Amino acid sequence: MKYVLVIVALCLFSPVFAQETSSTDPEKHAETINREIDQNMVTMSNLVEALANNLGQLHYLRTLCYSDRDQKWRNTAANLMNLEAPKPSARRKQLIRAFNNGYYMQKERYQTCEPTVSIDVAALAENGRRLSLMLADPYREQ
């Protein structure tokens, strides 16, 4: 039941960045970012940690292209952490570390809002949707 809030929030993912034409091949960029997301997921110890990392990446990209005041994905991650680890603990620190790692991963990649950001956001949104579906599956392996 504690995943319901997260699932609802992540099912509402939608790319909100304007699409622009770019000299970068969008299909090739999408393949690259999807491969990087998959490689990054291998380093995560569990699905909730992977979701926190994903939210950190989305948070950076959203604040980059909108405003530092836009805290949508940070607030979603805070809600996730409050459900998973309501009190200070090693688990909570692990989730915070995953969120921050995702944030800084995108910060290294982008310093300005570029047209390719929308491709990254779409890939991250799809990854978040997949993670939330896996978390909601009562028959998944623990």
N, C-alpha and C. Protein backbone atom coordinates (compact mmCIF):
# COMPACT_ATOMS: atom_id res chain seq x y z
N MET A 1 0.81 -1.19 0.00
CA MET A 1 0.00 0.00 0.00
C MET A 1 0.85 1.26 0.00
N LYS A 2 2.06 1.14 0.59
CA LYS A 2 2.90 2.33 0.67
C LYS A 2 3.42 2.76 -0.70
N TYR A 3 3.32 1.89 -1.68
CA TYR A 3 3.80 2.23 -3.01
C TYR A 3 2.73 2.95 -3.85
N VAL A 4 1.50 2.98 -3.39
CA VAL A 4 0.42 3.55 -4.18
C VAL A 4 0.71 5.00 -4.54
N LEU A 5 1.14 5.80 -3.57
CA LEU A 5 1.45 7.21 -3.84
C LEU A 5 2.54 7.33 -4.89
N VAL A 6 3.56 6.52 -4.77
CA VAL A 6 4.67 6.57 -5.72
C VAL A 6 4.20 6.14 -7.10
N ILE A 7 3.41 5.09 -7.15
CA ILE A 7 2.93 4.57 -8.43
C ILE A 7 2.07 5.60 -9.14
N VAL A 8 1.17 6.22 -8.41
CA VAL A 8 0.30 7.24 -9.00
C VAL A 8 1.14 8.39 -9.53
N ALA A 9 2.10 8.85 -8.74
CA ALA A 9 2.94 9.97 -9.17
C ALA A 9 3.73 9.61 -10.41
N LEU A 10 4.28 8.42 -10.45
CA LEU A 10 5.12 8.05 -11.58
C LEU A 10 4.33 7.69 -12.82
N CYS A 11 3.11 7.25 -12.66
CA CYS A 11 2.28 6.98 -13.83
C CYS A 11 1.89 8.27 -14.54
N LEU A 12 2.02 9.37 -13.83
CA LEU A 12 1.68 10.66 -14.41
C LEU A 12 2.86 11.30 -15.12
N PHE A 13 4.00 10.59 -15.18
CA PHE A 13 5.16 11.11 -15.89
C PHE A 13 4.76 11.48 -17.30
N SER A 14 5.17 12.59 -17.74
CA SER A 14 5.02 12.93 -19.15
C SER A 14 6.09 13.95 -19.50
N PRO A 15 6.68 13.80 -20.66
CA PRO A 15 7.69 14.78 -21.05
C PRO A 15 7.03 16.14 -21.23
N VAL A 16 7.55 17.12 -20.54
CA VAL A 16 6.94 18.44 -20.57
C VAL A 16 7.84 19.46 -21.22
N PHE A 17 8.95 19.03 -21.75
CA PHE A 17 9.86 19.96 -22.38
C PHE A 17 9.50 20.10 -23.85
N ALA A 18 9.67 21.28 -24.39
CA ALA A 18 9.35 21.53 -25.79
C ALA A 18 10.30 20.74 -26.67
N GLN A 19 9.77 20.16 -27.71
CA GLN A 19 10.59 19.43 -28.67
C GLN A 19 11.16 20.42 -29.67
N GLU A 20 12.44 20.35 -29.90
CA GLU A 20 13.09 21.19 -30.89
C GLU A 20 13.92 20.30 -31.79
N THR A 21 14.22 20.79 -32.98
CA THR A 21 15.09 20.03 -33.84
C THR A 21 16.52 20.26 -33.42
N SER A 22 17.34 19.29 -33.63
CA SER A 22 18.73 19.37 -33.21
C SER A 22 19.59 18.64 -34.21
N SER A 23 20.87 18.99 -34.21
CA SER A 23 21.78 18.28 -35.09
C SER A 23 22.04 16.87 -34.59
N THR A 24 21.74 16.61 -33.31
CA THR A 24 21.88 15.28 -32.74
C THR A 24 20.73 14.41 -33.23
N ASP A 25 21.04 13.20 -33.67
CA ASP A 25 20.01 12.27 -34.11
C ASP A 25 19.21 11.83 -32.89
N PRO A 26 17.92 12.19 -32.81
CA PRO A 26 17.11 11.86 -31.63
C PRO A 26 17.03 10.36 -31.35
N GLU A 27 16.92 9.54 -32.39
CA GLU A 27 16.84 8.09 -32.17
C GLU A 27 18.13 7.54 -31.58
N LYS A 28 19.25 8.01 -32.10
CA LYS A 28 20.54 7.56 -31.59
C LYS A 28 20.73 8.02 -30.15
N HIS A 29 20.34 9.26 -29.86
CA HIS A 29 20.45 9.78 -28.50
C HIS A 29 19.55 8.97 -27.55
N ALA A 30 18.34 8.65 -28.00
CA ALA A 30 17.42 7.86 -27.17
C ALA A 30 18.01 6.48 -26.87
N GLU A 31 18.61 5.85 -27.87
CA GLU A 31 19.25 4.55 -27.64
C GLU A 31 20.38 4.67 -26.63
N THR A 32 21.18 5.72 -26.76
CA THR A 32 22.30 5.93 -25.85
C THR A 32 21.81 6.13 -24.42
N ILE A 33 20.81 7.00 -24.24
CA ILE A 33 20.34 7.29 -22.88
C ILE A 33 19.67 6.06 -22.28
N ASN A 34 18.94 5.29 -23.07
CA ASN A 34 18.32 4.07 -22.55
C ASN A 34 19.38 3.05 -22.12
N ARG A 35 20.45 2.94 -22.88
CA ARG A 35 21.54 2.04 -22.51
C ARG A 35 22.20 2.51 -21.21
N GLU A 36 22.40 3.82 -21.08
CA GLU A 36 23.00 4.36 -19.85
C GLU A 36 22.09 4.14 -18.64
N ILE A 37 20.78 4.31 -18.83
CA ILE A 37 19.83 4.06 -17.74
C ILE A 37 19.92 2.60 -17.30
N ASP A 38 19.92 1.69 -18.27
CA ASP A 38 20.01 0.26 -17.94
C ASP A 38 21.31 -0.07 -17.21
N GLN A 39 22.42 0.50 -17.66
CA GLN A 39 23.71 0.26 -17.00
C GLN A 39 23.69 0.81 -15.58
N ASN A 40 23.08 1.97 -15.39
CA ASN A 40 23.00 2.58 -14.07
C ASN A 40 22.14 1.74 -13.13
N MET A 41 21.07 1.13 -13.64
CA MET A 41 20.18 0.34 -12.81
C MET A 41 20.89 -0.88 -12.24
N VAL A 42 21.88 -1.39 -12.96
CA VAL A 42 22.63 -2.56 -12.49
C VAL A 42 23.36 -2.25 -11.19
N THR A 43 23.75 -1.00 -11.00
CA THR A 43 24.50 -0.63 -9.79
C THR A 43 23.61 -0.46 -8.57
N MET A 44 22.30 -0.42 -8.75
CA MET A 44 21.38 -0.20 -7.64
C MET A 44 21.13 -1.50 -6.89
N SER A 45 21.03 -1.41 -5.57
CA SER A 45 20.82 -2.62 -4.77
C SER A 45 19.36 -3.04 -4.73
N ASN A 46 18.43 -2.13 -5.04
CA ASN A 46 17.02 -2.50 -5.05
C ASN A 46 16.21 -1.50 -5.88
N LEU A 47 14.95 -1.80 -6.10
CA LEU A 47 14.10 -0.97 -6.96
C LEU A 47 13.83 0.41 -6.38
N VAL A 48 13.68 0.50 -5.07
CA VAL A 48 13.38 1.80 -4.46
C VAL A 48 14.59 2.72 -4.60
N GLU A 49 15.77 2.17 -4.44
CA GLU A 49 16.99 2.96 -4.63
C GLU A 49 17.09 3.42 -6.09
N ALA A 50 16.77 2.54 -7.02
CA ALA A 50 16.78 2.90 -8.44
C ALA A 50 15.78 4.01 -8.73
N LEU A 51 14.62 3.94 -8.10
CA LEU A 51 13.61 4.97 -8.28
C LEU A 51 14.08 6.31 -7.71
N ALA A 52 14.73 6.30 -6.56
CA ALA A 52 15.26 7.53 -5.97
C ALA A 52 16.31 8.15 -6.90
N ASN A 53 17.15 7.32 -7.49
CA ASN A 53 18.16 7.79 -8.44
C ASN A 53 17.49 8.42 -9.65
N ASN A 54 16.48 7.76 -10.17
CA ASN A 54 15.73 8.25 -11.32
C ASN A 54 15.09 9.61 -11.01
N LEU A 55 14.52 9.74 -9.83
CA LEU A 55 13.90 11.01 -9.43
C LEU A 55 14.95 12.11 -9.29
N GLY A 56 16.15 11.78 -8.82
CA GLY A 56 17.22 12.77 -8.74
C GLY A 56 17.60 13.29 -10.11
N GLN A 57 17.66 12.39 -11.09
CA GLN A 57 17.97 12.82 -12.45
C GLN A 57 16.88 13.73 -13.01
N LEU A 58 15.64 13.33 -12.81
CA LEU A 58 14.53 14.15 -13.28
C LEU A 58 14.49 15.51 -12.58
N HIS A 59 14.81 15.53 -11.30
CA HIS A 59 14.81 16.79 -10.55
C HIS A 59 15.82 17.77 -11.16
N TYR A 60 17.02 17.29 -11.43
CA TYR A 60 18.02 18.20 -12.00
C TYR A 60 17.55 18.74 -13.35
N LEU A 61 17.07 17.87 -14.22
CA LEU A 61 16.67 18.31 -15.56
C LEU A 61 15.49 19.28 -15.50
N ARG A 62 14.57 19.05 -14.59
CA ARG A 62 13.42 19.95 -14.47
C ARG A 62 13.84 21.32 -13.96
N THR A 63 14.72 21.35 -12.95
CA THR A 63 15.17 22.65 -12.44
C THR A 63 16.05 23.36 -13.46
N LEU A 64 16.78 22.61 -14.27
CA LEU A 64 17.62 23.20 -15.31
C LEU A 64 16.78 23.91 -16.36
N CYS A 65 15.70 23.29 -16.78
CA CYS A 65 14.91 23.84 -17.88
C CYS A 65 13.73 24.69 -17.43
N TYR A 66 13.38 24.64 -16.18
CA TYR A 66 12.28 25.48 -15.70
C TYR A 66 12.80 26.51 -14.73
N SER A 67 12.98 26.10 -13.50
CA SER A 67 13.39 27.05 -12.47
C SER A 67 13.87 26.28 -11.26
N ASP A 68 14.78 26.89 -10.51
CA ASP A 68 15.24 26.26 -9.27
C ASP A 68 14.10 26.11 -8.27
N ARG A 69 13.07 26.90 -8.44
CA ARG A 69 11.93 26.83 -7.51
C ARG A 69 11.02 25.64 -7.80
N ASP A 70 11.17 25.02 -8.96
CA ASP A 70 10.34 23.87 -9.31
C ASP A 70 10.89 22.63 -8.60
N GLN A 71 10.21 22.20 -7.59
CA GLN A 71 10.68 21.10 -6.74
C GLN A 71 9.82 19.85 -6.87
N LYS A 72 9.13 19.69 -7.99
CA LYS A 72 8.18 18.58 -8.17
C LYS A 72 8.82 17.22 -7.88
N TRP A 73 9.94 16.90 -8.53
CA TRP A 73 10.51 15.56 -8.37
C TRP A 73 11.26 15.42 -7.06
N ARG A 74 11.78 16.50 -6.53
CA ARG A 74 12.41 16.44 -5.21
C ARG A 74 11.36 16.13 -4.15
N ASN A 75 10.20 16.78 -4.26
CA ASN A 75 9.11 16.52 -3.31
C ASN A 75 8.60 15.09 -3.44
N THR A 76 8.52 14.58 -4.66
CA THR A 76 8.11 13.20 -4.87
C THR A 76 9.11 12.24 -4.22
N ALA A 77 10.40 12.54 -4.38
CA ALA A 77 11.43 11.71 -3.75
C ALA A 77 11.35 11.79 -2.23
N ALA A 78 11.08 12.98 -1.70
CA ALA A 78 10.94 13.14 -0.24
C ALA A 78 9.77 12.30 0.27
N ASN A 79 8.66 12.29 -0.46
CA ASN A 79 7.52 11.46 -0.07
C ASN A 79 7.88 9.98 -0.11
N LEU A 80 8.61 9.57 -1.14
CA LEU A 80 9.07 8.19 -1.25
C LEU A 80 9.94 7.82 -0.04
N MET A 81 10.87 8.70 0.30
CA MET A 81 11.76 8.43 1.43
C MET A 81 11.01 8.40 2.75
N ASN A 82 10.01 9.25 2.89
CA ASN A 82 9.22 9.25 4.12
C ASN A 82 8.41 7.96 4.27
N LEU A 83 8.02 7.37 3.15
CA LEU A 83 7.30 6.10 3.20
C LEU A 83 8.25 4.93 3.46
N GLU A 84 9.38 4.94 2.80
CA GLU A 84 10.32 3.82 2.89
C GLU A 84 11.18 3.85 4.15
N ALA A 85 11.57 5.03 4.58
CA ALA A 85 12.45 5.16 5.74
C ALA A 85 12.08 6.44 6.49
N PRO A 86 10.98 6.39 7.26
CA PRO A 86 10.46 7.61 7.89
C PRO A 86 11.40 8.23 8.92
N LYS A 87 12.27 7.44 9.51
CA LYS A 87 13.19 7.96 10.53
C LYS A 87 14.62 7.92 10.00
N PRO A 88 15.48 8.78 10.55
CA PRO A 88 16.89 8.73 10.13
C PRO A 88 17.45 7.32 10.32
N SER A 89 18.03 6.80 9.27
CA SER A 89 18.57 5.43 9.31
C SER A 89 19.54 5.25 8.16
N ALA A 90 20.21 4.12 8.17
CA ALA A 90 21.12 3.79 7.06
C ALA A 90 20.34 3.68 5.75
N ARG A 91 19.13 3.15 5.84
CA ARG A 91 18.28 3.02 4.65
C ARG A 91 17.95 4.38 4.05
N ARG A 92 17.60 5.32 4.90
CA ARG A 92 17.27 6.67 4.42
C ARG A 92 18.50 7.32 3.78
N LYS A 93 19.66 7.15 4.40
CA LYS A 93 20.90 7.70 3.84
C LYS A 93 21.19 7.09 2.47
N GLN A 94 20.90 5.81 2.32
CA GLN A 94 21.11 5.13 1.05
C GLN A 94 20.21 5.74 -0.04
N LEU A 95 18.96 6.02 0.30
CA LEU A 95 18.04 6.61 -0.66
C LEU A 95 18.44 8.04 -1.01
N ILE A 96 18.88 8.79 -0.02
CA ILE A 96 19.34 10.16 -0.27
C ILE A 96 20.56 10.14 -1.18
N ARG A 97 21.47 9.22 -0.91
CA ARG A 97 22.68 9.09 -1.73
C ARG A 97 22.31 8.75 -3.17
N ALA A 98 21.34 7.86 -3.36
CA ALA A 98 20.91 7.48 -4.72
C ALA A 98 20.30 8.68 -5.43
N PHE A 99 19.46 9.45 -4.73
CA PHE A 99 18.86 10.66 -5.32
C PHE A 99 19.96 11.64 -5.74
N ASN A 100 20.89 11.90 -4.83
CA ASN A 100 21.97 12.85 -5.12
C ASN A 100 22.86 12.36 -6.25
N ASN A 101 23.14 11.07 -6.30
CA ASN A 101 23.95 10.52 -7.40
C ASN A 101 23.26 10.76 -8.75
N GLY A 102 21.95 10.55 -8.79
CA GLY A 102 21.20 10.80 -10.02
C GLY A 102 21.25 12.27 -10.41
N TYR A 103 21.09 13.14 -9.42
CA TYR A 103 21.13 14.58 -9.66
C TYR A 103 22.47 14.98 -10.27
N TYR A 104 23.56 14.56 -9.65
CA TYR A 104 24.89 14.96 -10.12
C TYR A 104 25.28 14.27 -11.43
N MET A 105 24.71 13.11 -11.69
CA MET A 105 24.94 12.44 -12.97
C MET A 105 24.46 13.33 -14.11
N GLN A 106 23.26 13.88 -13.96
CA GLN A 106 22.72 14.76 -15.00
C GLN A 106 23.42 16.12 -15.00
N LYS A 107 23.85 16.57 -13.84
CA LYS A 107 24.55 17.86 -13.77
C LYS A 107 25.86 17.80 -14.55
N GLU A 108 26.53 16.66 -14.53
CA GLU A 108 27.75 16.48 -15.32
C GLU A 108 27.44 16.48 -16.81
N ARG A 109 26.28 15.98 -17.17
CA ARG A 109 25.92 15.86 -18.58
C ARG A 109 25.43 17.19 -19.17
N TYR A 110 24.63 17.92 -18.44
CA TYR A 110 24.02 19.15 -18.96
C TYR A 110 24.29 20.34 -18.05
N GLN A 111 24.74 21.44 -18.67
CA GLN A 111 24.87 22.70 -17.94
C GLN A 111 23.83 23.71 -18.42
N THR A 112 23.26 23.46 -19.60
CA THR A 112 22.21 24.31 -20.14
C THR A 112 21.07 23.42 -20.64
N CYS A 113 19.89 24.00 -20.73
CA CYS A 113 18.73 23.26 -21.23
C CYS A 113 18.86 23.13 -22.74
N GLU A 114 19.07 21.93 -23.20
CA GLU A 114 19.26 21.65 -24.62
C GLU A 114 18.08 20.84 -25.15
N PRO A 115 17.91 20.81 -26.46
CA PRO A 115 16.82 20.01 -27.03
C PRO A 115 16.88 18.53 -26.65
N THR A 116 18.07 17.99 -26.45
CA THR A 116 18.18 16.56 -26.12
C THR A 116 17.69 16.26 -24.70
N VAL A 117 17.51 17.28 -23.89
CA VAL A 117 17.00 17.06 -22.53
C VAL A 117 15.63 16.40 -22.58
N SER A 118 14.81 16.79 -23.55
CA SER A 118 13.46 16.21 -23.64
C SER A 118 13.53 14.71 -23.92
N ILE A 119 14.53 14.28 -24.67
CA ILE A 119 14.70 12.84 -24.94
C ILE A 119 15.08 12.13 -23.65
N ASP A 120 15.99 12.74 -22.89
CA ASP A 120 16.41 12.15 -21.62
C ASP A 120 15.23 12.07 -20.65
N VAL A 121 14.45 13.13 -20.59
CA VAL A 121 13.29 13.15 -19.68
C VAL A 121 12.30 12.05 -20.06
N ALA A 122 12.06 11.88 -21.36
CA ALA A 122 11.13 10.83 -21.80
C ALA A 122 11.65 9.44 -21.41
N ALA A 123 12.95 9.22 -21.59
CA ALA A 123 13.53 7.91 -21.23
C ALA A 123 13.48 7.69 -19.73
N LEU A 124 13.78 8.72 -18.96
CA LEU A 124 13.73 8.60 -17.49
C LEU A 124 12.29 8.40 -17.01
N ALA A 125 11.35 9.07 -17.66
CA ALA A 125 9.94 8.90 -17.30
C ALA A 125 9.49 7.46 -17.55
N GLU A 126 9.90 6.91 -18.68
CA GLU A 126 9.54 5.52 -18.99
C GLU A 126 10.21 4.57 -17.99
N ASN A 127 11.45 4.85 -17.64
CA ASN A 127 12.14 4.04 -16.65
C ASN A 127 11.42 4.12 -15.30
N GLY A 128 11.00 5.31 -14.90
CA GLY A 128 10.26 5.48 -13.65
C GLY A 128 8.94 4.72 -13.67
N ARG A 129 8.28 4.73 -14.81
CA ARG A 129 7.02 3.99 -14.95
C ARG A 129 7.28 2.49 -14.78
N ARG A 130 8.33 2.00 -15.43
CA ARG A 130 8.66 0.56 -15.32
C ARG A 130 9.00 0.19 -13.88
N LEU A 131 9.80 1.03 -13.22
CA LEU A 131 10.17 0.76 -11.83
C LEU A 131 8.94 0.73 -10.93
N SER A 132 8.03 1.69 -11.12
CA SER A 132 6.84 1.73 -10.27
C SER A 132 5.95 0.51 -10.50
N LEU A 133 5.87 0.05 -11.75
CA LEU A 133 5.09 -1.17 -12.02
C LEU A 133 5.73 -2.39 -11.37
N MET A 134 7.05 -2.45 -11.41
CA MET A 134 7.74 -3.57 -10.76
C MET A 134 7.54 -3.53 -9.25
N LEU A 135 7.58 -2.33 -8.67
CA LEU A 135 7.37 -2.20 -7.22
C LEU A 135 5.96 -2.62 -6.82
N ALA A 136 5.00 -2.37 -7.70
CA ALA A 136 3.61 -2.67 -7.38
C ALA A 136 3.26 -4.14 -7.60
N ASP A 137 4.11 -4.88 -8.28
CA ASP A 137 3.84 -6.28 -8.59
C ASP A 137 3.98 -7.13 -7.33
N PRO A 138 2.88 -7.70 -6.84
CA PRO A 138 2.95 -8.49 -5.61
C PRO A 138 3.71 -9.81 -5.80
N TYR A 139 3.94 -10.22 -7.03
CA TYR A 139 4.61 -11.49 -7.30
C TYR A 139 6.08 -11.33 -7.68
N ARG A 140 6.59 -10.11 -7.60
CA ARG A 140 8.00 -9.90 -7.95
C ARG A 140 8.90 -10.55 -6.91
N GLU A 141 10.09 -10.89 -7.34
CA GLU A 141 11.06 -11.46 -6.41
C GLU A 141 11.56 -10.35 -5.51
N GLN A 142 11.71 -10.65 -4.24
CA GLN A 142 12.16 -9.64 -3.27
C GLN A 142 13.64 -9.54 -3.26
